[in-house]
Amino acid sequence: MLSNSHNFVRPADEAECAYLESLILEDFARCHPGETLEDTKRRASFSKEDRGLLRDWMALAAIRAAAERAGAPILIAAE
């Protein structure tokens, strides 16, 4: 994951943001039981930990979106 705070995903619009979030929702829910991506997004405005968590998840979403565009298979390390 990207750890540099200057490297983060900036979706062009709400539709792209929703698409990127759709690529990570299931995995986020599995990794953070009892939490939602919406909870993290809300807390990111005042919590640097949640801001970093959201940044890393969105970076993963961007990688998945790029892989889909390229037609490459999406590999998940846990599988």
C-alpha atoms as a PDB file:
ATOM      1  CA  MET A   1       0.000   0.000   0.000  1.00  0.00           C
ATOM      2  CA  LEU A   2       0.982   3.574  -0.441  1.00  0.00           C
ATOM      3  CA  SER A   3       2.384   4.920   2.774  1.00  0.00           C
ATOM      4  CA  ASN A   4       3.419   8.356   1.562  1.00  0.00           C
ATOM      5  CA  SER A   5       0.675  10.787   2.526  1.00  0.00           C
ATOM      6  CA  HIS A   6       1.200  12.661  -0.753  1.00  0.00           C
ATOM      7  CA  ASN A   7       0.264   9.592  -2.829  1.00  0.00           C
ATOM      8  CA  PHE A   8      -3.473   9.188  -2.712  1.00  0.00           C
ATOM      9  CA  VAL A   9      -6.396   8.678  -5.038  1.00  0.00           C
ATOM     10  CA  ARG A  10      -8.493  11.633  -6.124  1.00  0.00           C
ATOM     11  CA  PRO A  11     -11.614  10.418  -7.931  1.00  0.00           C
ATOM     12  CA  ALA A  12     -12.728  12.751 -10.709  1.00  0.00           C
ATOM     13  CA  ASP A  13     -16.359  12.772  -9.587  1.00  0.00           C
ATOM     14  CA  GLU A  14     -18.906  11.058  -7.341  1.00  0.00           C
ATOM     15  CA  ALA A  15     -19.538   8.314  -9.902  1.00  0.00           C
ATOM     16  CA  GLU A  16     -15.858   7.341  -9.987  1.00  0.00           C
ATOM     17  CA  CYS A  17     -15.696   7.474  -6.203  1.00  0.00           C
ATOM     18  CA  ALA A  18     -18.718   5.162  -5.942  1.00  0.00           C
ATOM     19  CA  TYR A  19     -17.166   2.786  -8.482  1.00  0.00           C
ATOM     20  CA  LEU A  20     -13.865   2.640  -6.587  1.00  0.00           C
ATOM     21  CA  GLU A  21     -15.665   2.069  -3.304  1.00  0.00           C
ATOM     22  CA  SER A  22     -17.671  -0.760  -4.862  1.00  0.00           C
ATOM     23  CA  LEU A  23     -14.402  -2.541  -5.640  1.00  0.00           C
ATOM     24  CA  ILE A  24     -13.383  -2.668  -1.975  1.00  0.00           C
ATOM     25  CA  LEU A  25     -16.629  -2.801   0.026  1.00  0.00           C
ATOM     26  CA  GLU A  26     -16.710  -6.579   0.476  1.00  0.00           C
ATOM     27  CA  ASP A  27     -13.057  -6.867   1.472  1.00  0.00           C
ATOM     28  CA  PHE A  28     -13.303  -3.852   3.783  1.00  0.00           C
ATOM     29  CA  ALA A  29     -16.289  -5.407   5.576  1.00  0.00           C
ATOM     30  CA  ARG A  30     -14.432  -8.702   5.947  1.00  0.00           C
ATOM     31  CA  CYS A  31     -11.301  -7.008   7.333  1.00  0.00           C
ATOM     32  CA  HIS A  32     -13.164  -4.584   9.621  1.00  0.00           C
ATOM     33  CA  PRO A  33     -16.176  -6.441  11.066  1.00  0.00           C
ATOM     34  CA  GLY A  34     -18.776  -4.155  12.588  1.00  0.00           C
ATOM     35  CA  GLU A  35     -17.501  -1.134  10.647  1.00  0.00           C
ATOM     36  CA  THR A  36     -18.507   0.305   7.329  1.00  0.00           C
ATOM     37  CA  LEU A  37     -16.561   2.226   4.753  1.00  0.00           C
ATOM     38  CA  GLU A  38     -18.995   5.099   5.371  1.00  0.00           C
ATOM     39  CA  ASP A  39     -17.996   5.137   9.063  1.00  0.00           C
ATOM     40  CA  THR A  40     -14.339   5.396   8.090  1.00  0.00           C
ATOM     41  CA  LYS A  41     -15.047   8.131   5.537  1.00  0.00           C
ATOM     42  CA  ARG A  42     -16.931  10.150   8.144  1.00  0.00           C
ATOM     43  CA  ARG A  43     -14.182   9.796  10.761  1.00  0.00           C
ATOM     44  CA  ALA A  44     -11.422  10.551   8.228  1.00  0.00           C
ATOM     45  CA  SER A  45     -12.262  14.245   8.439  1.00  0.00           C
ATOM     46  CA  PHE A  46     -10.931  14.386  12.012  1.00  0.00           C
ATOM     47  CA  SER A  47      -8.852  11.227  12.503  1.00  0.00           C
ATOM     48  CA  LYS A  48      -5.472  10.844  10.833  1.00  0.00           C
ATOM     49  CA  GLU A  49      -5.591   7.077  11.443  1.00  0.00           C
ATOM     50  CA  ASP A  50      -8.894   6.761   9.574  1.00  0.00           C
ATOM     51  CA  ARG A  51      -7.636   9.140   6.889  1.00  0.00           C
ATOM     52  CA  GLY A  52      -4.636   6.866   6.341  1.00  0.00           C
ATOM     53  CA  LEU A  53      -6.808   3.747   6.384  1.00  0.00           C
ATOM     54  CA  LEU A  54      -9.178   5.257   3.835  1.00  0.00           C
ATOM     55  CA  ARG A  55      -6.247   6.405   1.679  1.00  0.00           C
ATOM     56  CA  ASP A  56      -4.789   2.898   1.618  1.00  0.00           C
ATOM     57  CA  TRP A  57      -8.110   1.240   0.796  1.00  0.00           C
ATOM     58  CA  MET A  58      -8.771   3.728  -1.995  1.00  0.00           C
ATOM     59  CA  ALA A  59      -5.269   3.071  -3.356  1.00  0.00           C
ATOM     60  CA  LEU A  60      -6.168  -0.624  -3.485  1.00  0.00           C
ATOM     61  CA  ALA A  61      -9.406   0.251  -5.281  1.00  0.00           C
ATOM     62  CA  ALA A  62      -7.472   2.305  -7.847  1.00  0.00           C
ATOM     63  CA  ILE A  63      -5.106  -0.615  -8.435  1.00  0.00           C
ATOM     64  CA  ARG A  64      -8.067  -2.940  -8.948  1.00  0.00           C
ATOM     65  CA  ALA A  65      -9.722  -0.490 -11.330  1.00  0.00           C
ATOM     66  CA  ALA A  66      -6.505  -0.192 -13.359  1.00  0.00           C
ATOM     67  CA  ALA A  67      -6.216  -3.980 -13.508  1.00  0.00           C
ATOM     68  CA  GLU A  68      -9.813  -4.235 -14.747  1.00  0.00           C
ATOM     69  CA  ARG A  69      -9.137  -1.671 -17.458  1.00  0.00           C
ATOM     70  CA  ALA A  70      -6.021  -3.562 -18.517  1.00  0.00           C
ATOM     71  CA  GLY A  71      -7.868  -6.873 -18.486  1.00  0.00           C
ATOM     72  CA  ALA A  72      -5.402  -8.351 -16.007  1.00  0.00           C
ATOM     73  CA  PRO A  73      -6.595 -10.843 -13.421  1.00  0.00           C
ATOM     74  CA  ILE A  74      -7.091  -9.431  -9.948  1.00  0.00           C
ATOM     75  CA  LEU A  75      -5.159 -11.502  -7.450  1.00  0.00           C
ATOM     76  CA  ILE A  76      -5.889 -11.502  -3.744  1.00  0.00           C
ATOM     77  CA  ALA A  77      -3.055 -12.704  -1.514  1.00  0.00           C
ATOM     78  CA  ALA A  78      -5.383 -14.488   0.912  1.00  0.00           C
ATOM     79  CA  GLU A  79      -6.831 -16.753  -1.763  1.00  0.00           C
END
